[in-house]
Amino acid sequence: MDEVVYMVRGGSRDDCQRELDRLCAALGARPTMPPSAGTGRGWVARAVRVHAEGLAGESRSVGASR
């Protein structure tokens, strides 16, 4: 595995989504898994680092209302 993977855990879907969005904005990451409660302990979401050329025109939020 050659990519950096970030994980966010929150007490609710909204908390998890908000922190996923903050993480992606702050670190230049792209969501790869929207908030999911299937882990048994809170809500979990994941993102990966995006290289500079991958940022143009991409939506960073997964699972958010459009």
PDB file of N, CA and C in Angstrom:
ATOM      1  N   MET A   1       0.854  -1.182   0.000  1.00  0.00           N
ATOM      2  CA  MET A   1       0.000   0.000   0.000  1.00  0.00           C
ATOM      3  C   MET A   1       0.893   1.237   0.000  1.00  0.00           C
ATOM      4  N   ASP A   2       0.699   2.090  -0.989  1.00  0.00           N
ATOM      5  CA  ASP A   2       1.580   3.237  -1.103  1.00  0.00           C
ATOM      6  C   ASP A   2       0.877   4.565  -0.881  1.00  0.00           C
ATOM      7  N   GLU A   3      -0.356   4.553  -0.435  1.00  0.00           N
ATOM      8  CA  GLU A   3      -1.043   5.813  -0.174  1.00  0.00           C
ATOM      9  C   GLU A   3      -1.293   5.988   1.320  1.00  0.00           C
ATOM     10  N   VAL A   4      -1.390   7.255   1.707  1.00  0.00           N
ATOM     11  CA  VAL A   4      -1.694   7.600   3.094  1.00  0.00           C
ATOM     12  C   VAL A   4      -3.206   7.538   3.266  1.00  0.00           C
ATOM     13  N   VAL A   5      -3.666   6.879   4.326  1.00  0.00           N
ATOM     14  CA  VAL A   5      -5.099   6.747   4.595  1.00  0.00           C
ATOM     15  C   VAL A   5      -5.402   7.401   5.941  1.00  0.00           C
ATOM     16  N   TYR A   6      -6.428   8.243   5.970  1.00  0.00           N
ATOM     17  CA  TYR A   6      -6.870   8.912   7.194  1.00  0.00           C
ATOM     18  C   TYR A   6      -8.206   8.314   7.619  1.00  0.00           C
ATOM     19  N   MET A   7      -8.451   8.228   8.924  1.00  0.00           N
ATOM     20  CA  MET A   7      -9.713   7.735   9.444  1.00  0.00           C
ATOM     21  C   MET A   7     -10.289   8.768  10.410  1.00  0.00           C
ATOM     22  N   VAL A   8     -11.597   8.946  10.345  1.00  0.00           N
ATOM     23  CA  VAL A   8     -12.317   9.838  11.248  1.00  0.00           C
ATOM     24  C   VAL A   8     -13.365   9.015  11.966  1.00  0.00           C
ATOM     25  N   ARG A   9     -13.504   9.198  13.261  1.00  0.00           N
ATOM     26  CA  ARG A   9     -14.553   8.528  14.028  1.00  0.00           C
ATOM     27  C   ARG A   9     -15.358   9.595  14.757  1.00  0.00           C
ATOM     28  N   GLY A  10     -16.681   9.484  14.709  1.00  0.00           N
ATOM     29  CA  GLY A  10     -17.542  10.443  15.388  1.00  0.00           C
ATOM     30  C   GLY A  10     -18.702   9.739  16.056  1.00  0.00           C
ATOM     31  N   GLY A  11     -19.348  10.430  16.980  1.00  0.00           N
ATOM     32  CA  GLY A  11     -20.466   9.868  17.714  1.00  0.00           C
ATOM     33  C   GLY A  11     -21.762   9.827  16.929  1.00  0.00           C
ATOM     34  N   SER A  12     -21.834  10.608  15.852  1.00  0.00           N
ATOM     35  CA  SER A  12     -23.018  10.616  14.990  1.00  0.00           C
ATOM     36  C   SER A  12     -22.565  10.751  13.545  1.00  0.00           C
ATOM     37  N   ARG A  13     -23.474  10.478  12.615  1.00  0.00           N
ATOM     38  CA  ARG A  13     -23.143  10.610  11.209  1.00  0.00           C
ATOM     39  C   ARG A  13     -22.744  12.040  10.891  1.00  0.00           C
ATOM     40  N   ASP A  14     -23.503  13.002  11.408  1.00  0.00           N
ATOM     41  CA  ASP A  14     -23.209  14.410  11.134  1.00  0.00           C
ATOM     42  C   ASP A  14     -21.850  14.825  11.672  1.00  0.00           C
ATOM     43  N   ASP A  15     -21.512  14.396  12.890  1.00  0.00           N
ATOM     44  CA  ASP A  15     -20.193  14.708  13.454  1.00  0.00           C
ATOM     45  C   ASP A  15     -19.084  14.124  12.585  1.00  0.00           C
ATOM     46  N   CYS A  16     -19.260  12.898  12.187  1.00  0.00           N
ATOM     47  CA  CYS A  16     -18.256  12.215  11.383  1.00  0.00           C
ATOM     48  C   CYS A  16     -18.097  12.915  10.024  1.00  0.00           C
ATOM     49  N   GLN A  17     -19.189  13.262   9.366  1.00  0.00           N
ATOM     50  CA  GLN A  17     -19.139  13.943   8.073  1.00  0.00           C
ATOM     51  C   GLN A  17     -18.473  15.306   8.198  1.00  0.00           C
ATOM     52  N   ARG A  18     -18.822  16.046   9.238  1.00  0.00           N
ATOM     53  CA  ARG A  18     -18.230  17.372   9.455  1.00  0.00           C
ATOM     54  C   ARG A  18     -16.712  17.266   9.619  1.00  0.00           C
ATOM     55  N   GLU A  19     -16.267  16.305  10.413  1.00  0.00           N
ATOM     56  CA  GLU A  19     -14.828  16.164  10.642  1.00  0.00           C
ATOM     57  C   GLU A  19     -14.115  15.605   9.410  1.00  0.00           C
ATOM     58  N   LEU A  20     -14.786  14.747   8.653  1.00  0.00           N
ATOM     59  CA  LEU A  20     -14.219  14.265   7.392  1.00  0.00           C
ATOM     60  C   LEU A  20     -14.014  15.433   6.442  1.00  0.00           C
ATOM     61  N   ASP A  21     -15.006  16.299   6.329  1.00  0.00           N
ATOM     62  CA  ASP A  21     -14.895  17.476   5.467  1.00  0.00           C
ATOM     63  C   ASP A  21     -13.756  18.390   5.928  1.00  0.00           C
ATOM     64  N   ARG A  22     -13.642  18.596   7.243  1.00  0.00           N
ATOM     65  CA  ARG A  22     -12.551  19.434   7.776  1.00  0.00           C
ATOM     66  C   ARG A  22     -11.184  18.828   7.482  1.00  0.00           C
ATOM     67  N   LEU A  23     -11.067  17.534   7.685  1.00  0.00           N
ATOM     68  CA  LEU A  23      -9.805  16.845   7.422  1.00  0.00           C
ATOM     69  C   LEU A  23      -9.414  16.976   5.952  1.00  0.00           C
ATOM     70  N   CYS A  24     -10.360  16.742   5.067  1.00  0.00           N
ATOM     71  CA  CYS A  24     -10.074  16.829   3.635  1.00  0.00           C
ATOM     72  C   CYS A  24      -9.660  18.235   3.226  1.00  0.00           C
ATOM     73  N   ALA A  25     -10.336  19.235   3.756  1.00  0.00           N
ATOM     74  CA  ALA A  25      -9.987  20.619   3.434  1.00  0.00           C
ATOM     75  C   ALA A  25      -8.615  20.991   3.985  1.00  0.00           C
ATOM     76  N   ALA A  26      -8.317  20.571   5.181  1.00  0.00           N
ATOM     77  CA  ALA A  26      -7.058  20.947   5.831  1.00  0.00           C
ATOM     78  C   ALA A  26      -5.853  20.202   5.263  1.00  0.00           C
ATOM     79  N   LEU A  27      -6.051  18.943   4.869  1.00  0.00           N
ATOM     80  CA  LEU A  27      -4.911  18.119   4.465  1.00  0.00           C
ATOM     81  C   LEU A  27      -4.872  17.806   2.972  1.00  0.00           C
ATOM     82  N   GLY A  28      -5.820  18.328   2.226  1.00  0.00           N
ATOM     83  CA  GLY A  28      -5.843  18.031   0.797  1.00  0.00           C
ATOM     84  C   GLY A  28      -6.129  16.568   0.534  1.00  0.00           C
ATOM     85  N   ALA A  29      -7.115  16.024   1.225  1.00  0.00           N
ATOM     86  CA  ALA A  29      -7.458  14.614   1.089  1.00  0.00           C
ATOM     87  C   ALA A  29      -8.765  14.461   0.319  1.00  0.00           C
ATOM     88  N   ARG A  30      -9.055  13.226  -0.098  1.00  0.00           N
ATOM     89  CA  ARG A  30     -10.280  12.905  -0.820  1.00  0.00           C
ATOM     90  C   ARG A  30     -10.985  11.781  -0.081  1.00  0.00           C
ATOM     91  N   PRO A  31     -12.278  11.955   0.239  1.00  0.00           N
ATOM     92  CA  PRO A  31     -13.008  10.893   0.932  1.00  0.00           C
ATOM     93  C   PRO A  31     -13.046   9.619   0.095  1.00  0.00           C
ATOM     94  N   THR A  32     -12.884   8.485   0.755  1.00  0.00           N
ATOM     95  CA  THR A  32     -12.983   7.202   0.064  1.00  0.00           C
ATOM     96  C   THR A  32     -14.088   6.328   0.651  1.00  0.00           C
ATOM     97  N   MET A  33     -14.541   6.659   1.853  1.00  0.00           N
ATOM     98  CA  MET A  33     -15.623   5.916   2.491  1.00  0.00           C
ATOM     99  C   MET A  33     -16.469   6.902   3.281  1.00  0.00           C
ATOM    100  N   PRO A  34     -17.745   7.046   2.918  1.00  0.00           N
ATOM    101  CA  PRO A  34     -18.605   7.963   3.674  1.00  0.00           C
ATOM    102  C   PRO A  34     -18.845   7.428   5.085  1.00  0.00           C
ATOM    103  N   PRO A  35     -19.350   8.273   5.965  1.00  0.00           N
ATOM    104  CA  PRO A  35     -19.627   7.813   7.331  1.00  0.00           C
ATOM    105  C   PRO A  35     -20.479   6.543   7.343  1.00  0.00           C
ATOM    106  N   SER A  36     -20.023   5.575   8.136  1.00  0.00           N
ATOM    107  CA  SER A  36     -20.695   4.283   8.231  1.00  0.00           C
ATOM    108  C   SER A  36     -20.771   3.864   9.695  1.00  0.00           C
ATOM    109  N   ALA A  37     -21.909   3.320  10.098  1.00  0.00           N
ATOM    110  CA  ALA A  37     -22.084   2.867  11.476  1.00  0.00           C
ATOM    111  C   ALA A  37     -21.845   1.368  11.590  1.00  0.00           C
ATOM    112  N   GLY A  38     -21.394   0.744  10.533  1.00  0.00           N
ATOM    113  CA  GLY A  38     -21.226  -0.698  10.505  1.00  0.00           C
ATOM    114  C   GLY A  38     -20.066  -1.232  11.325  1.00  0.00           C
ATOM    115  N   THR A  39     -19.262  -0.362  11.916  1.00  0.00           N
ATOM    116  CA  THR A  39     -18.091  -0.812  12.655  1.00  0.00           C
ATOM    117  C   THR A  39     -18.420  -1.189  14.092  1.00  0.00           C
ATOM    118  N   GLY A  40     -19.617  -0.847  14.556  1.00  0.00           N
ATOM    119  CA  GLY A  40     -20.015  -1.222  15.896  1.00  0.00           C
ATOM    120  C   GLY A  40     -19.679  -0.226  16.986  1.00  0.00           C
ATOM    121  N   ARG A  41     -18.832   0.730  16.705  1.00  0.00           N
ATOM    122  CA  ARG A  41     -18.447   1.708  17.729  1.00  0.00           C
ATOM    123  C   ARG A  41     -18.398   3.106  17.128  1.00  0.00           C
ATOM    124  N   GLY A  42     -19.532   3.780  17.079  1.00  0.00           N
ATOM    125  CA  GLY A  42     -19.603   5.114  16.491  1.00  0.00           C
ATOM    126  C   GLY A  42     -19.641   5.043  14.975  1.00  0.00           C
ATOM    127  N   TRP A  43     -19.428   6.183  14.363  1.00  0.00           N
ATOM    128  CA  TRP A  43     -19.431   6.328  12.920  1.00  0.00           C
ATOM    129  C   TRP A  43     -17.993   6.508  12.452  1.00  0.00           C
ATOM    130  N   VAL A  44     -17.637   5.875  11.346  1.00  0.00           N
ATOM    131  CA  VAL A  44     -16.278   5.918  10.822  1.00  0.00           C
ATOM    132  C   VAL A  44     -16.312   6.310   9.351  1.00  0.00           C
ATOM    133  N   ALA A  45     -15.349   7.137   8.932  1.00  0.00           N
ATOM    134  CA  ALA A  45     -15.178   7.506   7.524  1.00  0.00           C
ATOM    135  C   ALA A  45     -13.682   7.504   7.225  1.00  0.00           C
ATOM    136  N   ARG A  46     -13.350   7.380   5.940  1.00  0.00           N
ATOM    137  CA  ARG A  46     -11.932   7.359   5.550  1.00  0.00           C
ATOM    138  C   ARG A  46     -11.685   8.277   4.366  1.00  0.00           C
ATOM    139  N   ALA A  47     -10.432   8.714   4.258  1.00  0.00           N
ATOM    140  CA  ALA A  47      -9.994   9.550   3.141  1.00  0.00           C
ATOM    141  C   ALA A  47      -8.549   9.204   2.814  1.00  0.00           C
ATOM    142  N   VAL A  48      -8.123   9.566   1.609  1.00  0.00           N
ATOM    143  CA  VAL A  48      -6.734   9.395   1.200  1.00  0.00           C
ATOM    144  C   VAL A  48      -6.180  10.731   0.732  1.00  0.00           C
ATOM    145  N   ARG A  49      -4.857  10.849   0.815  1.00  0.00           N
ATOM    146  CA  ARG A  49      -4.188  12.069   0.359  1.00  0.00           C
ATOM    147  C   ARG A  49      -4.323  12.159  -1.157  1.00  0.00           C
ATOM    148  N   VAL A  50      -4.533  13.387  -1.653  1.00  0.00           N
ATOM    149  CA  VAL A  50      -4.638  13.644  -3.083  1.00  0.00           C
ATOM    150  C   VAL A  50      -3.424  14.453  -3.499  1.00  0.00           C
ATOM    151  N   HIS A  51      -2.814  14.057  -4.588  1.00  0.00           N
ATOM    152  CA  HIS A  51      -1.707  14.831  -5.135  1.00  0.00           C
ATOM    153  C   HIS A  51      -2.255  16.092  -5.784  1.00  0.00           C
ATOM    154  N   ALA A  52      -1.462  17.131  -5.885  1.00  0.00           N
ATOM    155  CA  ALA A  52      -1.901  18.447  -6.366  1.00  0.00           C
ATOM    156  C   ALA A  52      -2.686  18.376  -7.671  1.00  0.00           C
ATOM    157  N   GLU A  53      -2.261  17.550  -8.632  1.00  0.00           N
ATOM    158  CA  GLU A  53      -2.958  17.481  -9.914  1.00  0.00           C
ATOM    159  C   GLU A  53      -4.355  16.872  -9.782  1.00  0.00           C
ATOM    160  N   GLY A  54      -4.661  16.178  -8.701  1.00  0.00           N
ATOM    161  CA  GLY A  54      -5.961  15.554  -8.513  1.00  0.00           C
ATOM    162  C   GLY A  54      -7.003  16.450  -7.885  1.00  0.00           C
ATOM    163  N   LEU A  55      -6.643  17.671  -7.494  1.00  0.00           N
ATOM    164  CA  LEU A  55      -7.575  18.539  -6.778  1.00  0.00           C
ATOM    165  C   LEU A  55      -8.497  19.331  -7.687  1.00  0.00           C
ATOM    166  N   ALA A  56      -8.095  19.650  -8.890  1.00  0.00           N
ATOM    167  CA  ALA A  56      -8.862  20.533  -9.751  1.00  0.00           C
ATOM    168  C   ALA A  56     -10.226  19.935 -10.080  1.00  0.00           C
ATOM    169  N   GLY A  57     -11.275  20.642  -9.698  1.00  0.00           N
ATOM    170  CA  GLY A  57     -12.632  20.282 -10.072  1.00  0.00           C
ATOM    171  C   GLY A  57     -13.249  19.108  -9.338  1.00  0.00           C
ATOM    172  N   GLU A  58     -12.575  18.529  -8.367  1.00  0.00           N
ATOM    173  CA  GLU A  58     -13.140  17.385  -7.642  1.00  0.00           C
ATOM    174  C   GLU A  58     -13.996  17.840  -6.474  1.00  0.00           C
ATOM    175  N   SER A  59     -15.098  17.156  -6.273  1.00  0.00           N
ATOM    176  CA  SER A  59     -15.876  17.354  -5.063  1.00  0.00           C
ATOM    177  C   SER A  59     -15.234  16.524  -3.972  1.00  0.00           C
ATOM    178  N   ARG A  60     -15.045  17.102  -2.794  1.00  0.00           N
ATOM    179  CA  ARG A  60     -14.367  16.388  -1.719  1.00  0.00           C
ATOM    180  C   ARG A  60     -15.316  15.706  -0.756  1.00  0.00           C
ATOM    181  N   SER A  61     -16.584  16.011  -0.800  1.00  0.00           N
ATOM    182  CA  SER A  61     -17.501  15.462   0.187  1.00  0.00           C
ATOM    183  C   SER A  61     -18.203  14.231  -0.365  1.00  0.00           C
ATOM    184  N   VAL A  62     -18.148  13.145   0.383  1.00  0.00           N
ATOM    185  CA  VAL A  62     -18.838  11.916   0.006  1.00  0.00           C
ATOM    186  C   VAL A  62     -20.053  11.781   0.901  1.00  0.00           C
ATOM    187  N   GLY A  63     -21.195  11.510   0.336  1.00  0.00           N
ATOM    188  CA  GLY A  63     -22.385  11.280   1.123  1.00  0.00           C
ATOM    189  C   GLY A  63     -23.114  12.536   1.546  1.00  0.00           C
ATOM    190  N   ALA A  64     -22.584  13.693   1.202  1.00  0.00           N
ATOM    191  CA  ALA A  64     -23.234  14.953   1.584  1.00  0.00           C
ATOM    192  C   ALA A  64     -24.358  15.246   0.609  1.00  0.00           C
ATOM    193  N   SER A  65     -25.340  15.982   1.030  1.00  0.00           N
ATOM    194  CA  SER A  65     -26.454  16.369   0.178  1.00  0.00           C
ATOM    195  C   SER A  65     -25.968  17.275  -0.932  1.00  0.00           C
ATOM    196  N   ARG A  66     -26.556  17.103  -2.098  1.00  0.00           N
ATOM    197  CA  ARG A  66     -26.161  17.945  -3.250  1.00  0.00           C
ATOM    198  C   ARG A  66     -27.320  18.726  -3.749  1.00  0.00           C
TER     199      ARG A  66
END
